[in-house]
Amino acid sequence: MAKPQEKVSFGQRLKQIGMVFQFTAKQDRWFAPLVAAAVLLPLALTVVAVILWSWIWLPLGILFALLAVLIVLNLRSNKAMMNAAEGQPGAAAQIMENMRGDWRVTPAVSSTTQMDMVHLVIGRPGVILLAEGNPQRVRGLLGQEKRRLAKVIGSAPLHDYVIGQEEGELPIRKLRTTLLRLPRALSGKDVNSLDKRLKALTARPQMPKGAIPKNMRPPGGSFRQSRR
């Protein structure tokens, strides 16, 4: 199931906005001038409106200025985050985990020691595989995962993308819009059922921690006899 959203206090929200401001200002040299324009232009129009008509335009002008700043922050921060994520291992999985909606993300269901990885995403469009890394190596990983998943997903649609800038690859800055434009082929119940089946498929058994029970230990001298 999707993770429940945690409640964020007003102070924490302001702190988050401040961090986004700082990050965007460092990554985008046009951010500060655009914020200044978003503040000064509505306030200048407000002053004119107050002089010509009434003081009632003052609070409206302040609200318009705040709204303009938030719009600039939203647009430029998204662009700055996409630029910073370009070429970073695991960036596609992080973007999907922060997307709104019912997206079930399993990072790096398949990977190599060279930081090539394939992420598994389940949503209303179906099953989605996102590959990051060397194009030649990740295409082999994609083929393996597609053959493995085909036995479990049934008639659910299967989409796969290689993240990159070359021809036939999906730029990471277009990842959100591309997935949001996919047709919705599954219902909420279908997504839950598919998520359970794929979690059972991708689950890897782990060795129990602690000492091995006596009834599970091999009899004494068995290793010496096997070596003989």
C-alpha atoms as a PDB file:
ATOM      1  CA  MET A   1       0.000   0.000   0.000  1.00  0.00           C
ATOM      2  CA  ALA A   2       1.057   3.592  -0.459  1.00  0.00           C
ATOM      3  CA  LYS A   3       2.830   5.173   2.442  1.00  0.00           C
ATOM      4  CA  PRO A   4       0.624   7.508   4.524  1.00  0.00           C
ATOM      5  CA  GLN A   5       1.672  11.132   4.280  1.00  0.00           C
ATOM      6  CA  GLU A   6       3.069  12.553   7.492  1.00  0.00           C
ATOM      7  CA  LYS A   7       1.632  15.810   8.799  1.00  0.00           C
ATOM      8  CA  VAL A   8       4.026  18.737   8.541  1.00  0.00           C
ATOM      9  CA  SER A   9       3.729  21.704  10.889  1.00  0.00           C
ATOM     10  CA  PHE A  10       3.694  25.302   9.678  1.00  0.00           C
ATOM     11  CA  GLY A  11       7.204  25.920  10.988  1.00  0.00           C
ATOM     12  CA  GLN A  12       8.564  22.819   9.250  1.00  0.00           C
ATOM     13  CA  ARG A  13       6.867  23.889   6.030  1.00  0.00           C
ATOM     14  CA  LEU A  14       8.537  27.299   6.192  1.00  0.00           C
ATOM     15  CA  LYS A  15      11.891  25.622   6.845  1.00  0.00           C
ATOM     16  CA  GLN A  16      11.400  23.401   3.800  1.00  0.00           C
ATOM     17  CA  ILE A  17      10.550  26.406   1.631  1.00  0.00           C
ATOM     18  CA  GLY A  18      13.678  28.169   2.868  1.00  0.00           C
ATOM     19  CA  MET A  19      15.827  25.163   1.979  1.00  0.00           C
ATOM     20  CA  VAL A  20      14.277  25.035  -1.487  1.00  0.00           C
ATOM     21  CA  PHE A  21      15.005  28.772  -1.903  1.00  0.00           C
ATOM     22  CA  GLN A  22      18.663  28.265  -0.994  1.00  0.00           C
ATOM     23  CA  PHE A  23      19.085  25.221  -3.212  1.00  0.00           C
ATOM     24  CA  THR A  24      17.423  26.868  -6.224  1.00  0.00           C
ATOM     25  CA  ALA A  25      19.412  30.085  -5.826  1.00  0.00           C
ATOM     26  CA  LYS A  26      22.674  28.099  -5.901  1.00  0.00           C
ATOM     27  CA  GLN A  27      21.682  26.061  -8.951  1.00  0.00           C
ATOM     28  CA  ASP A  28      19.886  28.737 -11.010  1.00  0.00           C
ATOM     29  CA  ARG A  29      21.457  32.148 -11.614  1.00  0.00           C
ATOM     30  CA  TRP A  30      18.176  33.527 -12.977  1.00  0.00           C
ATOM     31  CA  PHE A  31      16.188  32.611  -9.880  1.00  0.00           C
ATOM     32  CA  ALA A  32      16.971  35.701  -7.778  1.00  0.00           C
ATOM     33  CA  PRO A  33      16.203  38.220 -10.599  1.00  0.00           C
ATOM     34  CA  LEU A  34      12.946  36.450 -11.379  1.00  0.00           C
ATOM     35  CA  VAL A  35      11.906  36.472  -7.715  1.00  0.00           C
ATOM     36  CA  ALA A  36      12.701  40.189  -7.510  1.00  0.00           C
ATOM     37  CA  ALA A  37      10.587  40.836 -10.608  1.00  0.00           C
ATOM     38  CA  ALA A  38       7.761  38.705  -9.190  1.00  0.00           C
ATOM     39  CA  VAL A  39       7.731  40.898  -6.063  1.00  0.00           C
ATOM     40  CA  LEU A  40       8.335  44.347  -7.540  1.00  0.00           C
ATOM     41  CA  LEU A  41       5.949  44.206 -10.488  1.00  0.00           C
ATOM     42  CA  PRO A  42       2.766  43.375  -8.498  1.00  0.00           C
ATOM     43  CA  LEU A  43       3.730  45.856  -5.766  1.00  0.00           C
ATOM     44  CA  ALA A  44       4.313  48.615  -8.327  1.00  0.00           C
ATOM     45  CA  LEU A  45       0.882  47.975  -9.836  1.00  0.00           C
ATOM     46  CA  THR A  46      -0.572  47.924  -6.329  1.00  0.00           C
ATOM     47  CA  VAL A  47       0.875  51.356  -5.537  1.00  0.00           C
ATOM     48  CA  VAL A  48      -0.679  52.743  -8.708  1.00  0.00           C
ATOM     49  CA  ALA A  49      -4.020  51.158  -7.851  1.00  0.00           C
ATOM     50  CA  VAL A  50      -3.910  52.560  -4.300  1.00  0.00           C
ATOM     51  CA  ILE A  51      -3.158  56.074  -5.588  1.00  0.00           C
ATOM     52  CA  LEU A  52      -5.884  55.977  -8.227  1.00  0.00           C
ATOM     53  CA  TRP A  53      -8.583  54.117  -6.350  1.00  0.00           C
ATOM     54  CA  SER A  54      -8.412  52.862  -2.775  1.00  0.00           C
ATOM     55  CA  TRP A  55      -6.273  51.247  -0.061  1.00  0.00           C
ATOM     56  CA  ILE A  56      -8.257  48.051  -0.559  1.00  0.00           C
ATOM     57  CA  TRP A  57      -5.816  47.123  -3.331  1.00  0.00           C
ATOM     58  CA  LEU A  58      -2.888  46.912  -0.895  1.00  0.00           C
ATOM     59  CA  PRO A  59      -3.641  43.471   0.630  1.00  0.00           C
ATOM     60  CA  LEU A  60      -4.599  42.178  -2.816  1.00  0.00           C
ATOM     61  CA  GLY A  61      -1.291  43.347  -4.219  1.00  0.00           C
ATOM     62  CA  ILE A  62       0.643  41.608  -1.432  1.00  0.00           C
ATOM     63  CA  LEU A  63      -1.243  38.379  -2.099  1.00  0.00           C
ATOM     64  CA  PHE A  64      -0.512  38.636  -5.825  1.00  0.00           C
ATOM     65  CA  ALA A  65       3.189  39.190  -5.071  1.00  0.00           C
ATOM     66  CA  LEU A  66       3.337  36.111  -2.811  1.00  0.00           C
ATOM     67  CA  LEU A  67       1.521  34.047  -5.425  1.00  0.00           C
ATOM     68  CA  ALA A  68       3.957  35.166  -8.126  1.00  0.00           C
ATOM     69  CA  VAL A  69       6.950  34.243  -5.933  1.00  0.00           C
ATOM     70  CA  LEU A  70       5.515  30.767  -5.286  1.00  0.00           C
ATOM     71  CA  ILE A  71       4.941  30.224  -9.005  1.00  0.00           C
ATOM     72  CA  VAL A  72       8.518  31.227  -9.810  1.00  0.00           C
ATOM     73  CA  LEU A  73       9.820  29.021  -6.984  1.00  0.00           C
ATOM     74  CA  ASN A  74       7.852  26.013  -8.205  1.00  0.00           C
ATOM     75  CA  LEU A  75       8.955  26.324 -11.812  1.00  0.00           C
ATOM     76  CA  ARG A  76      12.618  27.132 -11.213  1.00  0.00           C
ATOM     77  CA  SER A  77      13.111  24.681  -8.325  1.00  0.00           C
ATOM     78  CA  ASN A  78      11.808  21.792 -10.435  1.00  0.00           C
ATOM     79  CA  LYS A  79      14.214  22.730 -13.211  1.00  0.00           C
ATOM     80  CA  ALA A  80      17.105  23.073 -10.747  1.00  0.00           C
ATOM     81  CA  MET A  81      16.399  19.662  -9.216  1.00  0.00           C
ATOM     82  CA  MET A  82      16.266  18.041 -12.648  1.00  0.00           C
ATOM     83  CA  ASN A  83      19.588  19.606 -13.602  1.00  0.00           C
ATOM     84  CA  ALA A  84      21.174  18.454 -10.334  1.00  0.00           C
ATOM     85  CA  ALA A  85      19.791  14.917 -10.785  1.00  0.00           C
ATOM     86  CA  GLU A  86      21.185  14.579 -14.311  1.00  0.00           C
ATOM     87  CA  GLY A  87      23.621  11.666 -14.374  1.00  0.00           C
ATOM     88  CA  GLN A  88      23.274  10.827 -10.660  1.00  0.00           C
ATOM     89  CA  PRO A  89      22.839   7.082  -9.902  1.00  0.00           C
ATOM     90  CA  GLY A  90      19.387   6.334  -8.482  1.00  0.00           C
ATOM     91  CA  ALA A  91      17.960   9.746  -9.440  1.00  0.00           C
ATOM     92  CA  ALA A  92      15.038   8.234 -11.367  1.00  0.00           C
ATOM     93  CA  ALA A  93      13.904   6.221  -8.341  1.00  0.00           C
ATOM     94  CA  GLN A  94      14.106   9.294  -6.094  1.00  0.00           C
ATOM     95  CA  ILE A  95      12.001  11.325  -8.506  1.00  0.00           C
ATOM     96  CA  MET A  96       9.372   8.594  -8.665  1.00  0.00           C
ATOM     97  CA  GLU A  97       9.264   8.263  -4.872  1.00  0.00           C
ATOM     98  CA  ASN A  98       8.518  11.987  -4.583  1.00  0.00           C
ATOM     99  CA  MET A  99       5.827  12.060  -7.272  1.00  0.00           C
ATOM    100  CA  ARG A 100       2.238  12.590  -6.274  1.00  0.00           C
ATOM    101  CA  GLY A 101      -0.120   9.705  -6.786  1.00  0.00           C
ATOM    102  CA  ASP A 102      -0.101   5.978  -6.140  1.00  0.00           C
ATOM    103  CA  TRP A 103       3.327   4.911  -7.372  1.00  0.00           C
ATOM    104  CA  ARG A 104       4.929   1.811  -5.817  1.00  0.00           C
ATOM    105  CA  VAL A 105       8.687   2.144  -6.294  1.00  0.00           C
ATOM    106  CA  THR A 106      11.292  -0.570  -5.709  1.00  0.00           C
ATOM    107  CA  PRO A 107      14.757   0.873  -6.369  1.00  0.00           C
ATOM    108  CA  ALA A 108      17.481  -1.249  -7.968  1.00  0.00           C
ATOM    109  CA  VAL A 109      15.658  -4.563  -8.372  1.00  0.00           C
ATOM    110  CA  SER A 110      18.553  -5.420 -10.666  1.00  0.00           C
ATOM    111  CA  SER A 111      22.026  -3.857 -10.624  1.00  0.00           C
ATOM    112  CA  THR A 112      25.713  -4.299 -11.421  1.00  0.00           C
ATOM    113  CA  THR A 113      28.901  -3.305  -9.645  1.00  0.00           C
ATOM    114  CA  GLN A 114      29.348  -0.499 -12.228  1.00  0.00           C
ATOM    115  CA  MET A 115      26.286   1.343 -10.793  1.00  0.00           C
ATOM    116  CA  ASP A 116      23.961   0.169 -13.564  1.00  0.00           C
ATOM    117  CA  MET A 117      20.500  -0.419 -12.139  1.00  0.00           C
ATOM    118  CA  VAL A 118      16.888  -1.087 -13.036  1.00  0.00           C
ATOM    119  CA  HIS A 119      14.069   0.316 -10.870  1.00  0.00           C
ATOM    120  CA  LEU A 120      10.622  -1.243 -10.665  1.00  0.00           C
ATOM    121  CA  VAL A 121       7.562   1.040 -10.558  1.00  0.00           C
ATOM    122  CA  ILE A 122       3.938  -0.073 -10.248  1.00  0.00           C
ATOM    123  CA  GLY A 123       1.093   2.357 -10.879  1.00  0.00           C
ATOM    124  CA  ARG A 124      -2.167   2.887 -12.690  1.00  0.00           C
ATOM    125  CA  PRO A 125      -0.424   2.732 -16.100  1.00  0.00           C
ATOM    126  CA  GLY A 126       0.907  -0.749 -15.260  1.00  0.00           C
ATOM    127  CA  VAL A 127       4.437  -1.987 -14.597  1.00  0.00           C
ATOM    128  CA  ILE A 128       7.297   0.374 -15.445  1.00  0.00           C
ATOM    129  CA  LEU A 129      11.014  -0.434 -15.587  1.00  0.00           C
ATOM    130  CA  LEU A 130      13.483   2.469 -15.421  1.00  0.00           C
ATOM    131  CA  ALA A 131      17.103   1.720 -16.312  1.00  0.00           C
ATOM    132  CA  GLU A 132      20.056   3.943 -15.400  1.00  0.00           C
ATOM    133  CA  GLY A 133      23.685   3.481 -16.331  1.00  0.00           C
ATOM    134  CA  ASN A 134      25.628   2.321 -19.365  1.00  0.00           C
ATOM    135  CA  PRO A 135      23.097   1.840 -22.219  1.00  0.00           C
ATOM    136  CA  GLN A 136      24.586  -1.452 -23.404  1.00  0.00           C
ATOM    137  CA  ARG A 137      24.699  -3.030 -19.964  1.00  0.00           C
ATOM    138  CA  VAL A 138      21.302  -1.793 -18.758  1.00  0.00           C
ATOM    139  CA  ARG A 139      19.546  -3.071 -21.875  1.00  0.00           C
ATOM    140  CA  GLY A 140      20.692  -6.549 -20.911  1.00  0.00           C
ATOM    141  CA  LEU A 141      19.331  -6.000 -17.382  1.00  0.00           C
ATOM    142  CA  LEU A 142      16.070  -4.752 -18.843  1.00  0.00           C
ATOM    143  CA  GLY A 143      15.696  -7.876 -20.951  1.00  0.00           C
ATOM    144  CA  GLN A 144      16.232 -10.105 -17.935  1.00  0.00           C
ATOM    145  CA  GLU A 145      13.687  -8.216 -15.838  1.00  0.00           C
ATOM    146  CA  LYS A 146      11.086  -8.201 -18.610  1.00  0.00           C
ATOM    147  CA  ARG A 147      11.363 -11.978 -19.023  1.00  0.00           C
ATOM    148  CA  ARG A 148      11.137 -12.452 -15.262  1.00  0.00           C
ATOM    149  CA  LEU A 149       8.116 -10.173 -14.831  1.00  0.00           C
ATOM    150  CA  ALA A 150       6.222 -11.516 -17.846  1.00  0.00           C
ATOM    151  CA  LYS A 151       5.445 -14.704 -15.884  1.00  0.00           C
ATOM    152  CA  VAL A 152       3.738 -12.765 -13.085  1.00  0.00           C
ATOM    153  CA  ILE A 153       2.088  -9.573 -14.369  1.00  0.00           C
ATOM    154  CA  GLY A 154      -0.395 -11.303 -16.681  1.00  0.00           C
ATOM    155  CA  SER A 155      -2.155  -8.837 -18.989  1.00  0.00           C
ATOM    156  CA  ALA A 156      -0.906  -5.708 -17.178  1.00  0.00           C
ATOM    157  CA  PRO A 157       0.959  -3.288 -19.493  1.00  0.00           C
ATOM    158  CA  LEU A 158       4.749  -3.298 -19.225  1.00  0.00           C
ATOM    159  CA  HIS A 159       6.687  -0.118 -20.056  1.00  0.00           C
ATOM    160  CA  ASP A 160      10.456   0.232 -20.019  1.00  0.00           C
ATOM    161  CA  TYR A 161      12.717   3.269 -20.392  1.00  0.00           C
ATOM    162  CA  VAL A 162      16.445   3.879 -20.448  1.00  0.00           C
ATOM    163  CA  ILE A 163      17.283   7.177 -18.742  1.00  0.00           C
ATOM    164  CA  GLY A 164      19.773   9.260 -20.697  1.00  0.00           C
ATOM    165  CA  GLN A 165      20.366  11.925 -23.330  1.00  0.00           C
ATOM    166  CA  GLU A 166      21.094   9.774 -26.379  1.00  0.00           C
ATOM    167  CA  GLU A 167      18.670   8.895 -29.152  1.00  0.00           C
ATOM    168  CA  GLY A 168      15.966   6.494 -27.977  1.00  0.00           C
ATOM    169  CA  GLU A 169      16.590   7.346 -24.317  1.00  0.00           C
ATOM    170  CA  LEU A 170      14.377   9.305 -21.917  1.00  0.00           C
ATOM    171  CA  PRO A 171      15.861  12.498 -20.413  1.00  0.00           C
ATOM    172  CA  ILE A 172      15.341  12.546 -16.675  1.00  0.00           C
ATOM    173  CA  ARG A 173      13.732  15.984 -16.825  1.00  0.00           C
ATOM    174  CA  LYS A 174      10.943  14.482 -18.958  1.00  0.00           C
ATOM    175  CA  LEU A 175      10.392  11.479 -16.698  1.00  0.00           C
ATOM    176  CA  ARG A 176       7.448  12.880 -14.756  1.00  0.00           C
ATOM    177  CA  THR A 177       5.526  14.218 -17.727  1.00  0.00           C
ATOM    178  CA  THR A 178       6.124  11.038 -19.735  1.00  0.00           C
ATOM    179  CA  LEU A 179       4.768   8.736 -17.032  1.00  0.00           C
ATOM    180  CA  LEU A 180       1.841  11.010 -16.217  1.00  0.00           C
ATOM    181  CA  ARG A 181       0.782  10.884 -19.868  1.00  0.00           C
ATOM    182  CA  LEU A 182       0.616   7.103 -19.943  1.00  0.00           C
ATOM    183  CA  PRO A 183      -2.943   5.737 -20.195  1.00  0.00           C
ATOM    184  CA  ARG A 184      -4.451   4.451 -16.958  1.00  0.00           C
ATOM    185  CA  ALA A 185      -4.941   0.731 -17.529  1.00  0.00           C
ATOM    186  CA  LEU A 186      -5.294  -0.588 -13.948  1.00  0.00           C
ATOM    187  CA  SER A 187      -7.670   0.098 -11.096  1.00  0.00           C
ATOM    188  CA  GLY A 188      -6.593   0.634  -7.511  1.00  0.00           C
ATOM    189  CA  LYS A 189      -7.392  -2.996  -6.645  1.00  0.00           C
ATOM    190  CA  ASP A 190      -5.370  -4.203  -9.611  1.00  0.00           C
ATOM    191  CA  VAL A 191      -2.385  -2.138  -8.464  1.00  0.00           C
ATOM    192  CA  ASN A 192      -2.597  -3.622  -4.949  1.00  0.00           C
ATOM    193  CA  SER A 193      -2.846  -7.173  -6.245  1.00  0.00           C
ATOM    194  CA  LEU A 194       0.010  -6.676  -8.689  1.00  0.00           C
ATOM    195  CA  ASP A 195       2.150  -5.063  -6.008  1.00  0.00           C
ATOM    196  CA  LYS A 196       1.731  -8.082  -3.714  1.00  0.00           C
ATOM    197  CA  ARG A 197       2.660 -10.548  -6.460  1.00  0.00           C
ATOM    198  CA  LEU A 198       5.741  -8.617  -7.500  1.00  0.00           C
ATOM    199  CA  LYS A 199       6.903  -8.135  -3.910  1.00  0.00           C
ATOM    200  CA  ALA A 200       6.725 -11.884  -3.442  1.00  0.00           C
ATOM    201  CA  LEU A 201       8.722 -12.319  -6.646  1.00  0.00           C
ATOM    202  CA  THR A 202      11.428  -9.800  -5.749  1.00  0.00           C
ATOM    203  CA  ALA A 203      11.710 -10.862  -2.096  1.00  0.00           C
ATOM    204  CA  ARG A 204      15.044 -12.499  -1.384  1.00  0.00           C
ATOM    205  CA  PRO A 205      15.352 -14.976   1.505  1.00  0.00           C
ATOM    206  CA  GLN A 206      17.855 -13.989   4.165  1.00  0.00           C
ATOM    207  CA  MET A 207      19.915 -16.206   6.458  1.00  0.00           C
ATOM    208  CA  PRO A 208      18.659 -16.131  10.066  1.00  0.00           C
ATOM    209  CA  LYS A 209      20.836 -14.232  12.487  1.00  0.00           C
ATOM    210  CA  GLY A 210      22.429 -15.879  15.522  1.00  0.00           C
ATOM    211  CA  ALA A 211      23.727 -19.365  16.197  1.00  0.00           C
ATOM    212  CA  ILE A 212      22.529 -22.294  14.128  1.00  0.00           C
ATOM    213  CA  PRO A 213      20.121 -24.536  16.121  1.00  0.00           C
ATOM    214  CA  LYS A 214      21.549 -27.895  17.152  1.00  0.00           C
ATOM    215  CA  ASN A 215      18.920 -29.854  15.236  1.00  0.00           C
ATOM    216  CA  MET A 216      19.976 -28.074  12.013  1.00  0.00           C
ATOM    217  CA  ARG A 217      23.724 -28.646  12.444  1.00  0.00           C
ATOM    218  CA  PRO A 218      25.398 -31.397  10.399  1.00  0.00           C
ATOM    219  CA  PRO A 219      26.557 -34.445  12.370  1.00  0.00           C
ATOM    220  CA  GLY A 220      30.109 -34.433  13.647  1.00  0.00           C
ATOM    221  CA  GLY A 221      32.741 -35.607  11.173  1.00  0.00           C
ATOM    222  CA  SER A 222      30.481 -35.141   8.123  1.00  0.00           C
ATOM    223  CA  PHE A 223      32.754 -32.482   6.667  1.00  0.00           C
ATOM    224  CA  ARG A 224      35.800 -34.704   7.118  1.00  0.00           C
ATOM    225  CA  GLN A 225      34.033 -37.642   5.475  1.00  0.00           C
ATOM    226  CA  SER A 226      32.924 -35.479   2.525  1.00  0.00           C
ATOM    227  CA  ARG A 227      36.508 -34.269   2.040  1.00  0.00           C
ATOM    228  CA  ARG A 228      37.716 -37.894   2.044  1.00  0.00           C
END
